[in-house]
Amino acid sequence: MAKALLHLGRSRPGSLAPWLSTTAAGAVLPLAFAPWSWWWLAPFCVAVLFHNAWTASPGRAFALGYLFGLGLFGVGVSWIHVSMTQYGGGGPVTSFIATGGLIALLALFPALALCLARGLRPQADAWALWASLPAAWLALEWLRTWLFTGFPWLLLGYSQTDAPLAAALAPVTGVLGLSAVVTLLAAALVWCAAGRGWRRWAVTAIAVAALGAATHAGLTRDWTRPAGPPLEVALVQGNFDQAEKWRPENRSKTLARYATLSEPLEQADLIVWPETAMPLLYANLPTAYLDKLTRRLDAAEATLILGAPTRGESGRIFNSAVAVGTSAAYAKRHLVPFGEYVPLRGLFGDLLDVLGAPESDFAPGAQATLLPVARYRAAIAICYEIIFPSEVASLAAGSNFIVNMSNDAWFGDTIGPWQHLQIARMRAMETQRYVLRATNTGVTAVIDDRGRVRAQAPQFEAVKLVSSLVPRTGLTPYMRWRDGPLLIIVTVLLLALVIRRSVGSAA
């Protein structure tokens, strides 16, 4: 890799090598994420981008960043088209345009990061490499967690889920802290490749080893503690094709399959069904079915949390998780644009339904409700909500474990569900809480407080996954402060660059 970087640095003016290598590096980077998880690859891919942008003008850096983003998201999130071609009704042309538009939009974030970095530090020096490029990258990743409701997919830090120090750093810095590690390692590779001889390599290797050892010794600890005895859990994977799921003629089959797969109820303290496992309003479930289920749960002293649409007092429909036999329910707060509602429906009407919206729009919930399970409390993250680190950390602070109910049937047999599982693992590490993933078609799994998958069901099979969890209490540093400390560091670096540029211009 170092020789390749040096070769790129000697590219003749007008050469295509920097453009092609940057695009290729972005397209290869998804291999660092699930399902491949070649975490060590991420710093090398980012190093190619940093190397080519280090001496570039702001405009050229923008173009390089955009090509990198097209490669990264063009490969990494192309699975989104499945929901539109198979279930949205828009056909391949509409799917191509919509997916391509999303990829083009997401590619702007690395492009803006590189442009900002080079604009703040036009010189190709240590400040540009070690401060401006990593700080600008992190600022734009953070922006992606909330801008336009947020789409923080493929943050660099997720690629490090299986890296040796991830379980130590994640509870302190969160996923953005791991992104910072990747960018700094990338800067180190470029710095070493730009020097002559072996000294930079030796010094950098010693520094990385020392920092890694210090991190492992100082941060590898239990920030949380067991809250009581373990719970036996059963996660039910119904395995209904999305195209058949909502058909009225399939409702009896759906109800029967979930009830059968859950038996015997005495086997678990907690049973979880997936997001919208019930393809009708919870209030419209057959009375006999619900009464029988409630009686059986009471006799078994078990709790069932199921996914179903609910209707509020205002008549609005919510995507909810309901604790059967109680009045406790959680209504999903962070909805997926076009997946669960159509933005600006009053303006466009049904025109945009082809992009994958459901038969009727869901409304966002207003409260962060925890659901009771035995003596414990469960934080609920429905599907997409698990990808927002700060929101999950805030909700999980009062919980003993996290339940992530999802329906990744929308995306078929693609890499999307595996990336979703990897994101859930990061939430487990950040909060040091068990995460239960109950899904319709997979990937259903039990994740422990260190982000390790303890049990996993095969995809596309109707199955019950039986395992256990240890409820935990206490707060990790990330749960206390979330992204605040890292954002302060990034802001200070960017302000320092602004001041240095202003002073330099004045001189």
Protein backbone atom coordinates (compact mmCIF):
# COMPACT_ATOMS: atom_id res chain seq x y z
CA MET A 1 0.00 0.00 0.00
CA ALA A 2 2.82 2.41 0.85
CA LYS A 3 4.46 1.84 -2.54
CA ALA A 4 1.13 2.45 -4.24
CA LEU A 5 0.71 5.74 -2.38
CA LEU A 6 4.21 6.85 -3.36
CA HIS A 7 3.49 5.95 -6.97
CA LEU A 8 0.32 8.03 -6.90
CA GLY A 9 2.26 10.93 -5.43
CA ARG A 10 4.55 10.85 -8.49
CA SER A 11 1.63 10.91 -10.95
CA ARG A 12 2.16 13.32 -13.83
CA PRO A 13 -0.09 16.39 -14.08
CA GLY A 14 -3.28 15.42 -15.85
CA SER A 15 -2.89 11.74 -14.93
CA LEU A 16 -6.05 9.73 -14.29
CA ALA A 17 -4.35 7.70 -11.56
CA PRO A 18 -5.52 9.83 -8.60
CA TRP A 19 -9.12 9.86 -9.86
CA LEU A 20 -9.25 6.15 -10.58
CA SER A 21 -7.49 5.13 -7.38
CA THR A 22 -9.76 7.33 -5.25
CA THR A 23 -12.91 5.90 -6.83
CA ALA A 24 -11.58 2.36 -6.43
CA ALA A 25 -10.67 2.97 -2.79
CA GLY A 26 -14.22 4.12 -2.07
CA ALA A 27 -15.70 1.10 -3.85
CA VAL A 28 -13.42 -1.31 -1.93
CA LEU A 29 -14.14 0.27 1.47
CA PRO A 30 -17.51 -1.57 1.96
CA LEU A 31 -15.46 -4.76 2.34
CA ALA A 32 -14.40 -3.38 5.73
CA PHE A 33 -18.05 -3.51 6.86
CA ALA A 34 -20.33 -6.50 7.40
CA PRO A 35 -20.75 -9.13 6.13
CA TRP A 36 -17.02 -9.25 5.24
CA SER A 37 -15.74 -7.18 8.20
CA TRP A 38 -12.21 -6.74 6.90
CA TRP A 39 -11.78 -3.93 9.44
CA TRP A 40 -8.04 -3.51 8.79
CA LEU A 41 -8.82 -2.41 5.21
CA ALA A 42 -10.55 0.85 6.20
CA PRO A 43 -7.45 2.96 7.06
CA PHE A 44 -5.80 1.98 3.77
CA CYS A 45 -8.82 3.01 1.69
CA VAL A 46 -9.10 6.35 3.48
CA ALA A 47 -5.33 6.82 3.17
CA VAL A 48 -5.64 6.71 -0.63
CA LEU A 49 -8.22 9.49 -0.47
CA PHE A 50 -6.18 11.58 1.98
CA HIS A 51 -3.02 11.12 -0.05
CA ASN A 52 -4.64 12.34 -3.24
CA ALA A 53 -6.42 15.24 -1.54
CA TRP A 54 -3.52 16.37 0.68
CA THR A 55 -1.98 18.59 -1.99
CA ALA A 56 -5.17 19.30 -3.95
CA SER A 57 -7.00 22.60 -4.29
CA PRO A 58 -10.40 22.83 -2.54
CA GLY A 59 -12.21 22.26 -5.84
CA ARG A 60 -10.09 19.25 -6.77
CA ALA A 61 -10.45 17.88 -3.24
CA PHE A 62 -14.23 18.20 -3.55
CA ALA A 63 -14.18 16.21 -6.79
CA LEU A 64 -11.93 13.53 -5.28
CA GLY A 65 -14.16 13.25 -2.22
CA TYR A 66 -17.22 12.98 -4.42
CA LEU A 67 -15.73 10.13 -6.44
CA PHE A 68 -14.75 8.37 -3.21
CA GLY A 69 -18.32 8.80 -1.94
CA LEU A 70 -19.80 7.46 -5.16
CA GLY A 71 -17.66 4.36 -4.82
CA LEU A 72 -18.42 3.89 -1.12
CA PHE A 73 -22.19 4.41 -1.23
CA GLY A 74 -22.63 3.07 -4.76
CA VAL A 75 -21.44 -0.31 -3.52
CA GLY A 76 -22.33 -0.03 0.17
CA VAL A 77 -26.01 1.02 0.01
CA SER A 78 -27.05 -0.13 -3.45
CA TRP A 79 -29.25 -2.75 -1.75
CA ILE A 80 -31.84 -0.04 -1.12
CA HIS A 81 -33.15 -0.53 -4.65
CA VAL A 82 -34.65 -3.90 -3.65
CA SER A 83 -37.38 -2.26 -1.56
CA MET A 84 -38.46 -0.15 -4.53
CA THR A 85 -38.23 -2.67 -7.35
CA GLN A 86 -39.91 -5.52 -5.44
CA TYR A 87 -42.26 -3.73 -3.06
CA GLY A 88 -42.58 -0.08 -4.09
CA GLY A 89 -44.18 -0.71 -7.45
CA GLY A 90 -42.01 1.83 -9.25
CA GLY A 91 -40.13 -0.54 -11.53
CA PRO A 92 -36.41 -0.67 -12.33
CA VAL A 93 -36.21 2.80 -13.90
CA THR A 94 -37.73 4.54 -10.89
CA SER A 95 -35.59 2.43 -8.57
CA PHE A 96 -32.43 3.30 -10.48
CA ILE A 97 -33.19 7.02 -10.40
CA ALA A 98 -34.17 7.08 -6.71
CA THR A 99 -31.25 4.90 -5.53
CA GLY A 100 -28.84 6.80 -7.72
CA GLY A 101 -30.15 10.08 -6.34
CA LEU A 102 -29.60 8.92 -2.76
CA ILE A 103 -26.06 7.75 -3.57
CA ALA A 104 -25.33 11.07 -5.28
CA LEU A 105 -26.61 12.94 -2.22
CA LEU A 106 -24.60 10.86 0.26
CA ALA A 107 -21.44 11.30 -1.82
CA LEU A 108 -21.64 15.02 -1.11
CA PHE A 109 -20.64 14.45 2.52
CA PRO A 110 -17.07 13.18 1.90
CA ALA A 111 -16.78 15.74 -0.91
CA LEU A 112 -17.69 18.61 1.42
CA ALA A 113 -15.38 17.26 4.11
CA LEU A 114 -12.39 17.26 1.77
CA CYS A 115 -13.27 20.67 0.35
CA LEU A 116 -13.60 22.13 3.86
CA ALA A 117 -10.30 20.60 4.96
CA ARG A 118 -8.33 21.99 2.03
CA GLY A 119 -10.08 25.33 2.21
CA LEU A 120 -9.09 25.75 5.85
CA ARG A 121 -5.54 24.54 5.31
CA PRO A 122 -4.34 25.04 1.70
CA GLN A 123 -0.75 24.10 2.60
CA ALA A 124 0.27 20.47 2.24
CA ASP A 125 1.80 20.21 5.69
CA ALA A 126 1.31 18.31 8.95
CA TRP A 127 -1.62 20.53 10.00
CA ALA A 128 -3.44 19.71 6.78
CA LEU A 129 -2.89 15.99 7.17
CA TRP A 130 -3.25 15.42 10.91
CA ALA A 131 -5.84 18.08 11.79
CA SER A 132 -7.88 19.43 8.92
CA LEU A 133 -8.62 16.19 7.04
CA PRO A 134 -9.66 14.07 10.08
CA ALA A 135 -11.54 16.94 11.79
CA ALA A 136 -13.51 17.87 8.67
CA TRP A 137 -14.34 14.21 8.02
CA LEU A 138 -15.69 13.73 11.55
CA ALA A 139 -17.70 16.96 11.36
CA LEU A 140 -19.46 15.77 8.22
CA GLU A 141 -20.07 12.29 9.65
CA TRP A 142 -21.72 13.90 12.67
CA LEU A 143 -23.77 16.11 10.36
CA ARG A 144 -24.98 12.98 8.59
CA THR A 145 -26.42 11.64 11.86
CA TRP A 146 -29.17 14.31 11.91
CA LEU A 147 -29.35 16.39 8.70
CA PHE A 148 -32.53 15.68 6.67
CA THR A 149 -33.64 13.40 9.57
CA GLY A 150 -30.27 11.64 9.36
CA PHE A 151 -28.80 8.66 7.52
CA PRO A 152 -25.67 7.64 9.49
CA TRP A 153 -25.09 4.44 7.52
CA LEU A 154 -21.52 3.29 6.79
CA LEU A 155 -19.88 5.63 9.28
CA LEU A 156 -16.20 4.66 9.28
CA GLY A 157 -16.37 3.57 12.91
CA TYR A 158 -18.79 0.72 12.10
CA SER A 159 -16.06 -0.94 10.07
CA GLN A 160 -14.09 -1.36 13.32
CA THR A 161 -16.74 -3.38 15.19
CA ASP A 162 -14.48 -6.45 15.18
CA ALA A 163 -11.22 -4.54 15.68
CA PRO A 164 -9.26 -5.41 18.85
CA LEU A 165 -9.88 -2.11 20.67
CA ALA A 166 -13.48 -1.49 19.61
CA ALA A 167 -15.05 -2.86 22.80
CA ALA A 168 -12.76 -0.61 24.88
CA LEU A 169 -13.24 2.60 22.88
CA ALA A 170 -16.92 2.40 21.90
CA PRO A 171 -18.34 2.84 25.45
CA VAL A 172 -16.19 5.97 25.83
CA THR A 173 -16.14 7.63 22.42
CA GLY A 174 -19.02 6.05 20.52
CA VAL A 175 -18.86 5.12 16.86
CA LEU A 176 -17.53 8.56 15.86
CA GLY A 177 -14.52 7.98 18.10
CA LEU A 178 -13.73 4.85 16.13
CA SER A 179 -14.13 6.88 12.93
CA ALA A 180 -11.52 9.25 14.37
CA VAL A 181 -9.14 6.32 14.87
CA VAL A 182 -9.56 5.26 11.22
CA THR A 183 -8.86 8.77 9.90
CA LEU A 184 -5.81 9.20 12.13
CA LEU A 185 -4.42 5.84 11.05
CA ALA A 186 -5.01 6.88 7.45
CA ALA A 187 -3.13 10.12 8.09
CA ALA A 188 -0.28 8.12 9.64
CA LEU A 189 -0.03 5.91 6.55
CA VAL A 190 0.15 8.95 4.27
CA TRP A 191 2.71 10.63 6.53
CA CYS A 192 4.92 7.56 6.51
CA ALA A 193 4.60 7.02 2.78
CA ALA A 194 5.54 10.66 2.12
CA GLY A 195 8.81 10.36 4.05
CA ARG A 196 12.06 8.78 3.01
CA GLY A 197 13.57 5.84 4.77
CA TRP A 198 12.23 3.82 7.63
CA ARG A 199 12.26 6.29 10.53
CA ARG A 200 8.71 7.59 10.16
CA TRP A 201 7.44 4.04 9.88
CA ALA A 202 9.30 2.98 13.02
CA VAL A 203 8.19 5.99 15.08
CA THR A 204 4.58 5.61 13.92
CA ALA A 205 4.53 1.87 14.62
CA ILE A 206 5.86 2.46 18.15
CA ALA A 207 3.34 5.25 18.76
CA VAL A 208 0.42 3.17 17.52
CA ALA A 209 1.48 0.17 19.63
CA ALA A 210 1.93 2.33 22.73
CA LEU A 211 -1.40 4.10 22.32
CA GLY A 212 -3.14 0.78 21.65
CA ALA A 213 -1.66 -0.77 24.79
CA ALA A 214 -2.58 2.30 26.88
CA THR A 215 -6.13 2.25 25.53
CA HIS A 216 -6.51 -1.44 26.28
CA ALA A 217 -5.13 -1.06 29.80
CA GLY A 218 -6.99 2.12 30.67
CA LEU A 219 -10.38 1.70 29.01
CA THR A 220 -11.07 -2.05 28.93
CA ARG A 221 -13.39 -2.26 31.89
CA ASP A 222 -16.98 -2.82 32.93
CA TRP A 223 -18.68 0.56 32.98
CA THR A 224 -21.96 -1.17 33.78
CA ARG A 225 -22.81 -4.06 36.11
CA PRO A 226 -25.39 -6.86 36.26
CA ALA A 227 -28.77 -5.67 37.54
CA GLY A 228 -29.93 -9.12 38.63
CA PRO A 229 -30.19 -12.73 37.49
CA PRO A 230 -30.28 -13.57 33.76
CA LEU A 231 -33.48 -13.71 31.73
CA GLU A 232 -34.37 -16.51 29.35
CA VAL A 233 -35.45 -15.03 26.01
CA ALA A 234 -37.10 -16.31 22.84
CA LEU A 235 -36.94 -14.30 19.61
CA VAL A 236 -39.50 -15.36 17.01
CA GLN A 237 -38.65 -14.99 13.31
CA GLY A 238 -41.86 -15.36 11.32
CA ASN A 239 -40.27 -15.30 7.84
CA PHE A 240 -43.09 -13.73 5.81
CA ASP A 241 -42.33 -12.31 2.40
CA GLN A 242 -42.94 -8.57 2.36
CA ALA A 243 -45.17 -8.83 -0.71
CA GLU A 244 -47.46 -11.30 1.13
CA LYS A 245 -47.22 -9.89 4.62
CA TRP A 246 -50.12 -7.40 4.48
CA ARG A 247 -52.59 -9.45 2.44
CA PRO A 248 -55.83 -9.94 4.43
CA GLU A 249 -56.08 -13.57 3.36
CA ASN A 250 -52.74 -14.32 5.07
CA ARG A 251 -53.64 -12.90 8.50
CA SER A 252 -54.85 -16.14 10.03
CA LYS A 253 -51.72 -17.91 8.88
CA THR A 254 -49.57 -15.12 10.35
CA LEU A 255 -51.27 -15.19 13.75
CA ALA A 256 -51.11 -18.97 13.91
CA ARG A 257 -47.43 -19.16 12.97
CA TYR A 258 -46.32 -16.66 15.61
CA ALA A 259 -48.40 -18.36 18.31
CA THR A 260 -47.05 -21.79 17.38
CA LEU A 261 -43.41 -20.70 17.17
CA SER A 262 -43.68 -19.10 20.61
CA GLU A 263 -44.60 -22.37 22.34
CA PRO A 264 -43.94 -23.39 25.01
CA LEU A 265 -44.37 -19.99 26.63
CA GLU A 266 -42.87 -21.30 29.87
CA GLN A 267 -39.52 -21.66 28.14
CA ALA A 268 -38.72 -17.94 28.33
CA ASP A 269 -39.13 -14.94 30.61
CA LEU A 270 -39.35 -12.69 27.54
CA ILE A 271 -40.68 -13.44 24.07
CA VAL A 272 -40.16 -10.90 21.28
CA TRP A 273 -41.92 -10.79 17.92
CA PRO A 274 -40.59 -8.57 15.10
CA GLU A 275 -41.58 -5.13 13.91
CA THR A 276 -45.19 -5.13 12.60
CA ALA A 277 -45.34 -8.90 13.16
CA MET A 278 -49.13 -8.42 13.35
CA PRO A 279 -50.27 -7.17 9.92
CA LEU A 280 -53.30 -5.35 11.35
CA LEU A 281 -54.06 -2.82 14.04
CA TYR A 282 -53.38 -4.17 17.51
CA ALA A 283 -56.89 -3.17 18.57
CA ASN A 284 -58.31 -5.29 15.73
CA LEU A 285 -56.59 -8.53 16.76
CA PRO A 286 -59.21 -11.24 17.34
CA THR A 287 -60.41 -11.03 20.95
CA ALA A 288 -60.24 -14.79 21.46
CA TYR A 289 -56.66 -14.90 20.13
CA LEU A 290 -55.46 -12.08 22.37
CA ASP A 291 -57.31 -13.32 25.47
CA LYS A 292 -55.88 -16.81 25.12
CA LEU A 293 -52.40 -15.42 24.61
CA THR A 294 -52.70 -13.16 27.66
CA ARG A 295 -53.92 -16.00 29.89
CA ARG A 296 -51.08 -18.24 28.76
CA LEU A 297 -48.52 -15.51 29.39
CA ASP A 298 -49.89 -14.85 32.87
CA ALA A 299 -49.76 -18.53 33.73
CA ALA A 300 -46.19 -18.83 32.45
CA GLU A 301 -45.15 -15.55 34.13
CA ALA A 302 -43.72 -14.50 30.78
CA THR A 303 -43.73 -11.19 28.90
CA LEU A 304 -44.47 -10.89 25.19
CA ILE A 305 -43.43 -7.78 23.25
CA LEU A 306 -44.81 -7.73 19.74
CA GLY A 307 -44.75 -5.31 16.84
CA ALA A 308 -48.06 -4.03 15.50
CA PRO A 309 -49.63 -0.81 14.21
CA THR A 310 -51.62 1.06 16.86
CA ARG A 311 -54.11 3.89 16.59
CA GLY A 312 -53.80 6.93 18.84
CA GLU A 313 -56.60 9.03 20.28
CA SER A 314 -56.17 11.47 17.41
CA GLY A 315 -56.75 8.67 14.90
CA ARG A 316 -53.14 8.63 13.74
CA ILE A 317 -51.44 5.28 13.13
CA PHE A 318 -48.16 4.40 14.89
CA ASN A 319 -45.54 1.73 14.31
CA SER A 320 -45.51 0.30 17.83
CA ALA A 321 -44.07 -2.26 20.21
CA VAL A 322 -46.71 -3.53 22.64
CA ALA A 323 -46.23 -5.42 25.89
CA VAL A 324 -49.17 -7.82 25.68
CA GLY A 325 -51.52 -7.83 28.64
CA THR A 326 -50.42 -4.38 29.84
CA SER A 327 -51.12 -0.81 28.82
CA ALA A 328 -47.43 -0.27 28.02
CA ALA A 329 -46.49 0.45 24.41
CA TYR A 330 -43.75 2.28 22.58
CA ALA A 331 -44.49 4.17 19.36
CA LYS A 332 -41.60 4.54 16.93
CA ARG A 333 -40.32 8.10 17.00
CA HIS A 334 -37.76 8.23 14.20
CA LEU A 335 -39.54 7.20 11.01
CA VAL A 336 -37.98 6.30 7.66
CA PRO A 337 -38.76 8.83 4.91
CA PHE A 338 -40.57 7.07 2.03
CA GLY A 339 -40.40 3.77 3.94
CA GLU A 340 -42.94 4.74 6.61
CA TYR A 341 -44.22 8.09 5.45
CA VAL A 342 -43.99 10.31 2.40
CA PRO A 343 -42.52 13.76 3.05
CA LEU A 344 -44.65 16.62 1.72
CA ARG A 345 -47.62 14.33 1.06
CA GLY A 346 -49.87 17.37 1.03
CA LEU A 347 -47.90 18.64 -1.98
CA PHE A 348 -47.25 15.40 -3.89
CA GLY A 349 -50.21 13.24 -2.82
CA ASP A 350 -49.70 9.61 -3.87
CA LEU A 351 -47.16 10.46 -6.55
CA LEU A 352 -44.13 9.38 -4.49
CA ASP A 353 -45.63 6.14 -3.14
CA VAL A 354 -43.65 4.24 -5.78
CA LEU A 355 -40.51 4.94 -3.73
CA GLY A 356 -41.56 2.35 -1.18
CA ALA A 357 -44.00 4.03 1.22
CA PRO A 358 -46.51 1.79 3.02
CA GLU A 359 -50.20 1.65 2.28
CA SER A 360 -50.78 4.45 4.78
CA ASP A 361 -48.34 6.78 6.50
CA PHE A 362 -47.25 6.20 10.07
CA ALA A 363 -47.09 9.09 12.54
CA PRO A 364 -44.04 9.56 14.81
CA GLY A 365 -44.36 8.73 18.48
CA ALA A 366 -43.83 11.46 21.03
CA GLN A 367 -42.46 9.68 24.11
CA ALA A 368 -39.42 7.54 24.85
CA THR A 369 -41.30 4.79 26.67
CA LEU A 370 -39.52 1.90 28.39
CA LEU A 371 -41.43 -1.40 28.54
CA PRO A 372 -41.57 -3.50 31.73
CA VAL A 373 -40.11 -7.02 31.64
CA ALA A 374 -40.15 -8.89 34.96
CA ARG A 375 -38.30 -6.55 37.36
CA TYR A 376 -36.47 -4.85 34.51
CA ARG A 377 -37.05 -2.23 31.83
CA ALA A 378 -36.45 -2.64 28.11
CA ALA A 379 -35.47 0.18 25.77
CA ILE A 380 -37.11 -0.26 22.37
CA ALA A 381 -35.51 0.68 19.06
CA ILE A 382 -37.73 -0.21 16.10
CA CYS A 383 -35.80 -1.02 12.93
CA TYR A 384 -34.08 2.15 11.65
CA GLU A 385 -33.94 3.74 15.12
CA ILE A 386 -30.99 1.56 16.12
CA ILE A 387 -28.72 3.46 13.69
CA PHE A 388 -28.84 6.70 15.71
CA PRO A 389 -26.15 6.41 18.41
CA SER A 390 -27.03 9.44 20.51
CA GLU A 391 -30.76 8.66 20.54
CA VAL A 392 -30.22 5.04 21.56
CA ALA A 393 -27.74 6.05 24.28
CA SER A 394 -30.25 8.52 25.71
CA LEU A 395 -33.11 6.00 25.73
CA ALA A 396 -30.99 3.13 27.02
CA ALA A 397 -29.76 5.10 30.02
CA GLY A 398 -32.84 4.14 32.01
CA SER A 399 -33.03 0.58 30.71
CA ASN A 400 -31.48 -2.78 31.53
CA PHE A 401 -31.29 -4.03 27.94
CA ILE A 402 -32.30 -3.02 24.40
CA VAL A 403 -34.85 -4.66 22.11
CA ASN A 404 -34.37 -3.94 18.40
CA MET A 405 -37.44 -5.12 16.45
CA SER A 406 -37.00 -4.97 12.70
CA ASN A 407 -38.30 -6.11 9.33
CA ASP A 408 -35.40 -6.32 6.91
CA ALA A 409 -37.47 -8.37 4.49
CA TRP A 410 -37.66 -5.10 2.54
CA PHE A 411 -34.07 -5.66 1.40
CA GLY A 412 -34.06 -9.37 0.56
CA ASP A 413 -30.90 -11.43 0.45
CA THR A 414 -28.47 -8.49 0.33
CA ILE A 415 -25.73 -7.09 2.53
CA GLY A 416 -28.17 -4.57 4.07
CA PRO A 417 -29.44 -6.77 6.93
CA TRP A 418 -25.86 -7.71 7.86
CA GLN A 419 -24.83 -4.07 8.02
CA HIS A 420 -27.91 -3.48 10.20
CA LEU A 421 -26.76 -6.24 12.57
CA GLN A 422 -23.30 -4.69 12.74
CA ILE A 423 -24.80 -1.33 13.69
CA ALA A 424 -26.81 -3.00 16.48
CA ARG A 425 -23.59 -4.56 17.76
CA MET A 426 -22.04 -1.10 18.01
CA ARG A 427 -25.03 0.11 20.08
CA ALA A 428 -24.42 -2.80 22.46
CA MET A 429 -20.78 -1.79 22.87
CA GLU A 430 -21.57 1.90 23.37
CA THR A 431 -24.14 1.23 26.08
CA GLN A 432 -22.77 -2.05 27.49
CA ARG A 433 -26.28 -3.43 27.24
CA TYR A 434 -27.50 -6.64 25.66
CA VAL A 435 -29.34 -6.06 22.38
CA LEU A 436 -32.07 -8.46 21.24
CA ARG A 437 -32.70 -8.32 17.48
CA ALA A 438 -36.05 -9.86 16.57
CA THR A 439 -36.62 -9.68 12.81
CA ASN A 440 -39.09 -11.01 10.27
CA THR A 441 -36.59 -12.71 7.93
CA GLY A 442 -33.25 -12.11 9.66
CA VAL A 443 -30.76 -11.38 10.92
CA THR A 444 -32.28 -12.34 14.31
CA ALA A 445 -29.64 -12.41 17.05
CA VAL A 446 -28.77 -11.97 20.72
CA ILE A 447 -25.86 -9.54 21.19
CA ASP A 448 -24.08 -9.27 24.52
CA ASP A 449 -22.85 -6.14 26.29
CA ARG A 450 -19.49 -6.30 24.46
CA GLY A 451 -21.07 -6.45 21.01
CA ARG A 452 -20.52 -10.18 20.54
CA VAL A 453 -23.22 -12.24 18.85
CA ARG A 454 -24.15 -14.91 21.40
CA ALA A 455 -26.90 -16.59 19.36
CA GLN A 456 -28.09 -16.14 15.79
CA ALA A 457 -30.95 -17.58 13.74
CA PRO A 458 -30.56 -18.55 10.07
CA GLN A 459 -32.04 -16.11 7.59
CA PHE A 460 -35.27 -16.82 5.70
CA GLU A 461 -36.48 -19.55 8.02
CA ALA A 462 -39.46 -19.54 10.39
CA VAL A 463 -37.71 -20.21 13.67
CA LYS A 464 -37.54 -19.40 17.36
CA LEU A 465 -34.16 -18.39 18.75
CA VAL A 466 -33.81 -19.28 22.43
CA SER A 467 -31.02 -17.75 24.50
CA SER A 468 -30.45 -15.66 27.62
CA LEU A 469 -29.38 -12.17 28.58
CA VAL A 470 -27.89 -10.47 31.61
CA PRO A 471 -29.78 -7.27 32.51
CA ARG A 472 -27.34 -4.47 33.28
CA THR A 473 -27.41 -1.14 35.05
CA GLY A 474 -25.09 1.87 35.15
CA LEU A 475 -23.92 4.35 32.53
CA THR A 476 -20.98 4.25 30.14
CA PRO A 477 -19.13 7.52 29.46
CA TYR A 478 -20.76 7.64 26.04
CA MET A 479 -24.23 7.39 27.59
CA ARG A 480 -23.37 10.32 29.88
CA TRP A 481 -21.80 12.67 27.36
CA ARG A 482 -22.59 11.11 23.99
CA ASP A 483 -20.77 12.92 21.13
CA GLY A 484 -20.14 16.11 23.12
CA PRO A 485 -16.41 15.65 23.99
CA LEU A 486 -15.48 14.59 20.47
CA LEU A 487 -17.41 17.48 18.93
CA ILE A 488 -15.59 19.91 21.22
CA ILE A 489 -12.23 18.58 20.01
CA VAL A 490 -13.32 18.77 16.37
CA THR A 491 -14.66 22.30 16.83
CA VAL A 492 -11.44 23.46 18.52
CA LEU A 493 -9.35 22.01 15.68
CA LEU A 494 -11.49 23.62 12.99
CA LEU A 495 -11.45 26.98 14.80
CA ALA A 496 -7.68 26.73 15.17
CA LEU A 497 -7.40 26.19 11.43
CA VAL A 498 -9.62 29.19 10.77
CA ILE A 499 -7.49 31.37 13.06
CA ARG A 500 -4.23 30.17 11.54
CA ARG A 501 -5.55 30.87 8.07
CA SER A 502 -6.74 34.34 9.09
CA VAL A 503 -3.43 35.18 10.74
CA GLY A 504 -1.50 33.87 7.75
CA SER A 505 -3.60 35.92 5.34
CA ALA A 506 -3.14 39.06 7.45
CA ALA A 507 0.61 38.57 7.54
